[in-house]
N, C-alpha and C. Protein backbone atom coordinates (compact mmCIF):
# COMPACT_ATOMS: atom_id res chain seq x y z
N MET A 1 10.60 6.73 22.17
CA MET A 1 9.31 7.38 22.17
C MET A 1 8.95 7.88 20.76
N THR A 2 9.89 8.50 20.07
CA THR A 2 9.64 9.00 18.73
C THR A 2 9.31 7.87 17.78
N SER A 3 9.96 6.72 17.97
CA SER A 3 9.71 5.59 17.08
C SER A 3 8.26 5.13 17.15
N GLN A 4 7.63 5.26 18.32
CA GLN A 4 6.23 4.88 18.44
C GLN A 4 5.34 5.79 17.61
N TYR A 5 5.68 7.08 17.54
CA TYR A 5 4.91 8.01 16.71
C TYR A 5 5.04 7.65 15.23
N ILE A 6 6.23 7.22 14.84
CA ILE A 6 6.44 6.82 13.45
C ILE A 6 5.59 5.59 13.13
N LEU A 7 5.58 4.62 14.04
CA LEU A 7 4.74 3.42 13.83
C LEU A 7 3.27 3.79 13.79
N ASP A 8 2.85 4.70 14.67
CA ASP A 8 1.45 5.13 14.67
C ASP A 8 1.08 5.80 13.35
N ALA A 9 1.97 6.66 12.84
CA ALA A 9 1.71 7.32 11.55
C ALA A 9 1.63 6.28 10.43
N HIS A 10 2.50 5.30 10.48
CA HIS A 10 2.50 4.25 9.46
C HIS A 10 1.19 3.47 9.51
N PHE A 11 0.71 3.15 10.69
CA PHE A 11 -0.55 2.43 10.83
C PHE A 11 -1.73 3.28 10.35
N ILE A 12 -1.73 4.56 10.68
CA ILE A 12 -2.84 5.44 10.27
C ILE A 12 -2.89 5.56 8.75
N VAL A 13 -1.73 5.75 8.12
CA VAL A 13 -1.71 5.86 6.66
C VAL A 13 -2.08 4.51 6.03
N ALA A 14 -1.68 3.40 6.67
CA ALA A 14 -2.05 2.07 6.16
C ALA A 14 -3.57 1.90 6.18
N ALA A 15 -4.21 2.33 7.26
CA ALA A 15 -5.67 2.26 7.32
C ALA A 15 -6.29 3.14 6.23
N LEU A 16 -5.69 4.30 5.99
CA LEU A 16 -6.16 5.19 4.92
C LEU A 16 -6.03 4.52 3.56
N VAL A 17 -4.93 3.81 3.34
CA VAL A 17 -4.73 3.09 2.07
C VAL A 17 -5.86 2.08 1.86
N ILE A 18 -6.16 1.31 2.88
CA ILE A 18 -7.21 0.28 2.76
C ILE A 18 -8.57 0.92 2.51
N ILE A 19 -8.89 1.96 3.24
CA ILE A 19 -10.18 2.64 3.06
C ILE A 19 -10.26 3.22 1.64
N CYS A 20 -9.20 3.88 1.21
CA CYS A 20 -9.20 4.46 -0.14
C CYS A 20 -9.28 3.37 -1.22
N ALA A 21 -8.61 2.25 -0.98
CA ALA A 21 -8.64 1.16 -1.96
C ALA A 21 -10.06 0.63 -2.13
N VAL A 22 -10.78 0.52 -1.05
CA VAL A 22 -12.15 0.00 -1.12
C VAL A 22 -13.10 1.03 -1.75
N VAL A 23 -12.91 2.29 -1.41
CA VAL A 23 -13.86 3.32 -1.82
C VAL A 23 -13.53 3.95 -3.18
N PHE A 24 -12.26 4.26 -3.42
CA PHE A 24 -11.90 5.11 -4.55
C PHE A 24 -11.30 4.41 -5.76
N SER A 25 -10.78 3.24 -5.64
CA SER A 25 -9.90 2.69 -6.68
C SER A 25 -10.61 2.15 -7.91
N TRP A 26 -11.88 2.41 -8.07
CA TRP A 26 -12.64 1.79 -9.16
C TRP A 26 -12.80 2.68 -10.37
N ASN A 27 -12.22 3.88 -10.36
CA ASN A 27 -12.24 4.75 -11.54
C ASN A 27 -10.90 5.47 -11.67
N THR A 28 -10.71 6.19 -12.74
CA THR A 28 -9.41 6.81 -13.02
C THR A 28 -8.99 7.80 -11.94
N MET A 29 -9.87 8.65 -11.52
CA MET A 29 -9.50 9.62 -10.46
C MET A 29 -9.19 8.90 -9.16
N GLY A 30 -9.95 7.89 -8.84
CA GLY A 30 -9.69 7.13 -7.63
C GLY A 30 -8.35 6.41 -7.68
N ARG A 31 -7.99 5.95 -8.87
CA ARG A 31 -6.69 5.29 -9.02
C ARG A 31 -5.55 6.29 -8.83
N ARG A 32 -5.76 7.53 -9.24
CA ARG A 32 -4.77 8.58 -8.99
C ARG A 32 -4.60 8.79 -7.49
N VAL A 33 -5.71 8.80 -6.79
CA VAL A 33 -5.65 8.93 -5.33
C VAL A 33 -4.88 7.76 -4.73
N MET A 34 -5.14 6.56 -5.23
CA MET A 34 -4.47 5.38 -4.70
C MET A 34 -2.96 5.42 -4.94
N VAL A 35 -2.55 5.90 -6.09
CA VAL A 35 -1.11 6.02 -6.37
C VAL A 35 -0.47 6.98 -5.36
N ALA A 36 -1.13 8.10 -5.11
CA ALA A 36 -0.59 9.09 -4.17
C ALA A 36 -0.55 8.56 -2.74
N VAL A 37 -1.64 7.98 -2.29
CA VAL A 37 -1.71 7.49 -0.91
C VAL A 37 -0.76 6.33 -0.70
N THR A 38 -0.69 5.43 -1.67
CA THR A 38 0.22 4.30 -1.55
C THR A 38 1.67 4.76 -1.59
N GLY A 39 1.98 5.74 -2.44
CA GLY A 39 3.32 6.29 -2.47
C GLY A 39 3.72 6.93 -1.15
N LEU A 40 2.79 7.66 -0.53
CA LEU A 40 3.03 8.23 0.79
C LEU A 40 3.31 7.13 1.81
N GLN A 41 2.54 6.06 1.75
CA GLN A 41 2.71 4.96 2.68
C GLN A 41 4.07 4.28 2.49
N VAL A 42 4.51 4.14 1.26
CA VAL A 42 5.82 3.54 1.00
C VAL A 42 6.91 4.41 1.60
N LEU A 43 6.80 5.73 1.45
CA LEU A 43 7.79 6.63 2.04
C LEU A 43 7.82 6.52 3.56
N VAL A 44 6.65 6.52 4.18
CA VAL A 44 6.59 6.37 5.64
C VAL A 44 7.15 5.00 6.04
N GLY A 45 6.85 3.98 5.25
CA GLY A 45 7.36 2.63 5.53
C GLY A 45 8.87 2.56 5.45
N LEU A 46 9.46 3.28 4.52
CA LEU A 46 10.92 3.30 4.44
C LEU A 46 11.53 3.94 5.69
N VAL A 47 10.87 4.97 6.21
CA VAL A 47 11.33 5.58 7.46
C VAL A 47 11.22 4.57 8.61
N VAL A 48 10.10 3.87 8.68
CA VAL A 48 9.91 2.86 9.72
C VAL A 48 11.00 1.80 9.62
N ALA A 49 11.27 1.33 8.40
CA ALA A 49 12.32 0.31 8.22
C ALA A 49 13.68 0.87 8.63
N GLY A 50 13.93 2.13 8.33
CA GLY A 50 15.20 2.74 8.72
C GLY A 50 15.36 2.91 10.21
N VAL A 51 14.25 3.20 10.89
CA VAL A 51 14.31 3.41 12.35
C VAL A 51 14.47 2.09 13.08
N PHE A 52 13.77 1.07 12.63
CA PHE A 52 13.76 -0.19 13.37
C PHE A 52 14.80 -1.20 12.89
N HIS A 53 15.43 -0.94 11.75
CA HIS A 53 16.47 -1.83 11.21
C HIS A 53 16.09 -3.30 11.31
N PRO A 54 14.98 -3.69 10.72
CA PRO A 54 14.56 -5.09 10.87
C PRO A 54 15.50 -6.04 10.13
N ALA A 55 15.80 -7.13 10.78
CA ALA A 55 16.68 -8.15 10.17
C ALA A 55 15.85 -9.18 9.41
N SER A 56 14.56 -9.17 9.61
CA SER A 56 13.69 -10.17 9.01
C SER A 56 13.50 -9.94 7.52
N SER A 57 13.45 -11.03 6.79
CA SER A 57 13.17 -10.92 5.36
C SER A 57 11.70 -10.56 5.12
N LEU A 58 10.86 -10.69 6.15
CA LEU A 58 9.45 -10.31 5.99
C LEU A 58 9.28 -8.83 5.71
N ILE A 59 10.19 -8.00 6.22
CA ILE A 59 10.07 -6.57 5.96
C ILE A 59 10.25 -6.29 4.47
N TRP A 60 11.12 -7.04 3.81
CA TRP A 60 11.32 -6.85 2.38
C TRP A 60 10.11 -7.33 1.60
N LEU A 61 9.47 -8.39 2.06
CA LEU A 61 8.22 -8.85 1.44
C LEU A 61 7.14 -7.79 1.62
N HIS A 62 7.09 -7.19 2.79
CA HIS A 62 6.12 -6.14 3.09
C HIS A 62 6.34 -4.94 2.16
N LEU A 63 7.57 -4.49 2.03
CA LEU A 63 7.87 -3.36 1.16
C LEU A 63 7.59 -3.70 -0.31
N THR A 64 7.93 -4.90 -0.73
CA THR A 64 7.68 -5.33 -2.10
C THR A 64 6.18 -5.38 -2.39
N GLY A 65 5.40 -5.87 -1.42
CA GLY A 65 3.95 -5.90 -1.59
C GLY A 65 3.37 -4.51 -1.75
N ALA A 66 3.87 -3.56 -0.97
CA ALA A 66 3.39 -2.18 -1.06
C ALA A 66 3.74 -1.57 -2.42
N LEU A 67 4.96 -1.80 -2.86
CA LEU A 67 5.36 -1.30 -4.17
C LEU A 67 4.56 -1.96 -5.29
N ALA A 68 4.30 -3.26 -5.16
CA ALA A 68 3.52 -3.97 -6.18
C ALA A 68 2.09 -3.42 -6.24
N ALA A 69 1.50 -3.11 -5.09
CA ALA A 69 0.16 -2.52 -5.07
C ALA A 69 0.18 -1.16 -5.78
N MET A 70 1.18 -0.35 -5.49
CA MET A 70 1.28 0.96 -6.12
C MET A 70 1.44 0.81 -7.64
N VAL A 71 2.27 -0.12 -8.08
CA VAL A 71 2.47 -0.35 -9.51
C VAL A 71 1.17 -0.83 -10.17
N ALA A 72 0.43 -1.69 -9.47
CA ALA A 72 -0.86 -2.16 -10.01
C ALA A 72 -1.80 -0.99 -10.24
N TYR A 73 -1.85 -0.04 -9.30
CA TYR A 73 -2.72 1.12 -9.46
C TYR A 73 -2.20 2.06 -10.55
N ILE A 74 -0.88 2.17 -10.69
CA ILE A 74 -0.33 3.00 -11.76
C ILE A 74 -0.74 2.44 -13.12
N PHE A 75 -0.56 1.12 -13.30
CA PHE A 75 -0.94 0.51 -14.58
C PHE A 75 -2.46 0.55 -14.77
N ALA A 76 -3.22 0.36 -13.72
CA ALA A 76 -4.69 0.41 -13.84
C ALA A 76 -5.14 1.79 -14.30
N ARG A 77 -4.51 2.82 -13.76
CA ARG A 77 -4.87 4.18 -14.15
C ARG A 77 -4.53 4.42 -15.61
N ARG A 78 -3.33 4.03 -16.02
CA ARG A 78 -2.91 4.26 -17.40
C ARG A 78 -3.74 3.45 -18.39
N ILE A 79 -3.99 2.19 -18.08
CA ILE A 79 -4.76 1.33 -18.97
C ILE A 79 -6.22 1.76 -19.00
N GLY A 80 -6.72 2.23 -17.84
CA GLY A 80 -8.12 2.65 -17.77
C GLY A 80 -8.44 3.84 -18.65
N GLU A 81 -7.42 4.60 -19.06
CA GLU A 81 -7.64 5.75 -19.94
C GLU A 81 -7.79 5.35 -21.40
N GLN A 82 -7.47 4.10 -21.73
CA GLN A 82 -7.57 3.62 -23.10
C GLN A 82 -8.96 3.07 -23.36
N PRO A 83 -9.52 3.35 -24.52
CA PRO A 83 -10.86 2.85 -24.84
C PRO A 83 -10.90 1.32 -24.87
N GLY A 84 -11.94 0.75 -24.28
CA GLY A 84 -12.14 -0.69 -24.30
C GLY A 84 -11.28 -1.48 -23.33
N LYS A 85 -10.54 -0.80 -22.48
CA LYS A 85 -9.65 -1.48 -21.54
C LYS A 85 -10.15 -1.38 -20.10
N GLY A 86 -11.40 -1.03 -19.93
CA GLY A 86 -11.95 -0.85 -18.59
C GLY A 86 -11.91 -2.11 -17.75
N ALA A 87 -12.18 -3.28 -18.35
CA ALA A 87 -12.18 -4.52 -17.59
C ALA A 87 -10.78 -4.86 -17.08
N LEU A 88 -9.77 -4.63 -17.91
CA LEU A 88 -8.40 -4.88 -17.48
C LEU A 88 -7.99 -3.92 -16.37
N ALA A 89 -8.38 -2.66 -16.51
CA ALA A 89 -8.09 -1.68 -15.46
C ALA A 89 -8.77 -2.06 -14.16
N LEU A 90 -9.99 -2.54 -14.24
CA LEU A 90 -10.70 -2.98 -13.05
C LEU A 90 -10.02 -4.18 -12.41
N ALA A 91 -9.55 -5.11 -13.24
CA ALA A 91 -8.82 -6.29 -12.71
C ALA A 91 -7.53 -5.86 -12.02
N LEU A 92 -6.83 -4.89 -12.59
CA LEU A 92 -5.61 -4.40 -11.95
C LEU A 92 -5.91 -3.66 -10.64
N SER A 93 -7.03 -2.96 -10.61
CA SER A 93 -7.44 -2.31 -9.37
C SER A 93 -7.76 -3.34 -8.30
N LEU A 94 -8.42 -4.41 -8.70
CA LEU A 94 -8.71 -5.49 -7.76
C LEU A 94 -7.41 -6.13 -7.27
N LEU A 95 -6.46 -6.33 -8.17
CA LEU A 95 -5.16 -6.86 -7.77
C LEU A 95 -4.49 -5.92 -6.78
N GLY A 96 -4.55 -4.62 -7.04
CA GLY A 96 -3.99 -3.63 -6.11
C GLY A 96 -4.64 -3.72 -4.74
N LEU A 97 -5.97 -3.90 -4.72
CA LEU A 97 -6.68 -4.05 -3.45
C LEU A 97 -6.21 -5.29 -2.70
N VAL A 98 -6.10 -6.40 -3.40
CA VAL A 98 -5.65 -7.65 -2.77
C VAL A 98 -4.23 -7.49 -2.22
N LEU A 99 -3.36 -6.88 -3.02
CA LEU A 99 -1.99 -6.65 -2.56
C LEU A 99 -1.95 -5.71 -1.35
N ALA A 100 -2.77 -4.67 -1.37
CA ALA A 100 -2.81 -3.74 -0.24
C ALA A 100 -3.29 -4.43 1.03
N VAL A 101 -4.34 -5.23 0.92
CA VAL A 101 -4.86 -5.94 2.10
C VAL A 101 -3.83 -6.96 2.60
N GLY A 102 -3.20 -7.69 1.68
CA GLY A 102 -2.18 -8.65 2.08
C GLY A 102 -0.99 -7.98 2.74
N THR A 103 -0.58 -6.85 2.20
CA THR A 103 0.53 -6.11 2.78
C THR A 103 0.15 -5.55 4.15
N PHE A 104 -1.08 -5.10 4.28
CA PHE A 104 -1.57 -4.62 5.58
C PHE A 104 -1.54 -5.75 6.61
N ALA A 105 -2.02 -6.92 6.23
CA ALA A 105 -2.02 -8.06 7.16
C ALA A 105 -0.60 -8.44 7.56
N LEU A 106 0.31 -8.46 6.61
CA LEU A 106 1.70 -8.76 6.92
C LEU A 106 2.28 -7.69 7.83
N GLY A 107 1.94 -6.44 7.58
CA GLY A 107 2.40 -5.35 8.45
C GLY A 107 1.90 -5.49 9.87
N MET A 108 0.66 -5.93 10.03
CA MET A 108 0.14 -6.14 11.38
C MET A 108 0.90 -7.27 12.07
N THR A 109 1.26 -8.31 11.33
CA THR A 109 2.05 -9.40 11.89
C THR A 109 3.42 -8.88 12.32
N LEU A 110 4.04 -8.07 11.48
CA LEU A 110 5.34 -7.49 11.81
C LEU A 110 5.23 -6.57 13.04
N ALA A 111 4.16 -5.79 13.11
CA ALA A 111 3.98 -4.87 14.25
C ALA A 111 3.80 -5.64 15.55
N ARG A 112 3.06 -6.72 15.51
CA ARG A 112 2.88 -7.52 16.72
C ARG A 112 4.22 -8.08 17.18
N GLY A 113 5.05 -8.47 16.24
CA GLY A 113 6.37 -8.99 16.60
C GLY A 113 7.28 -7.94 17.19
N SER A 114 7.16 -6.70 16.73
CA SER A 114 8.03 -5.63 17.25
C SER A 114 7.52 -5.07 18.57
N MET A 115 6.25 -5.30 18.88
CA MET A 115 5.68 -4.77 20.11
C MET A 115 5.90 -5.71 21.29
N SER A 116 6.20 -6.95 21.03
CA SER A 116 6.34 -7.88 22.13
C SER A 116 7.76 -7.92 22.66
């Protein structure tokens, strides 16, 4: 029963990550928000992985995708503070969005497999 609450929390924070990525990640403050929200999601995801002990290599791809999205937002934030680097920061934010959406989709696939 408790494990279902952990999965629900993971899904809710995942939805928050996607919403924040679409709305906030296009400027420096928004990228700070994305680093925090994505970091929270990675922590919750580690708990989910610990509770369910998945044997699938897809879980490692899922975790790697989440970390890669967080790193993209970290670099986007840092680069965005430099003069003349706005386009690169925007490209990294877009990469973070793509990684977040891809990781979300993979997570939904993993969740469907664990629910059946």
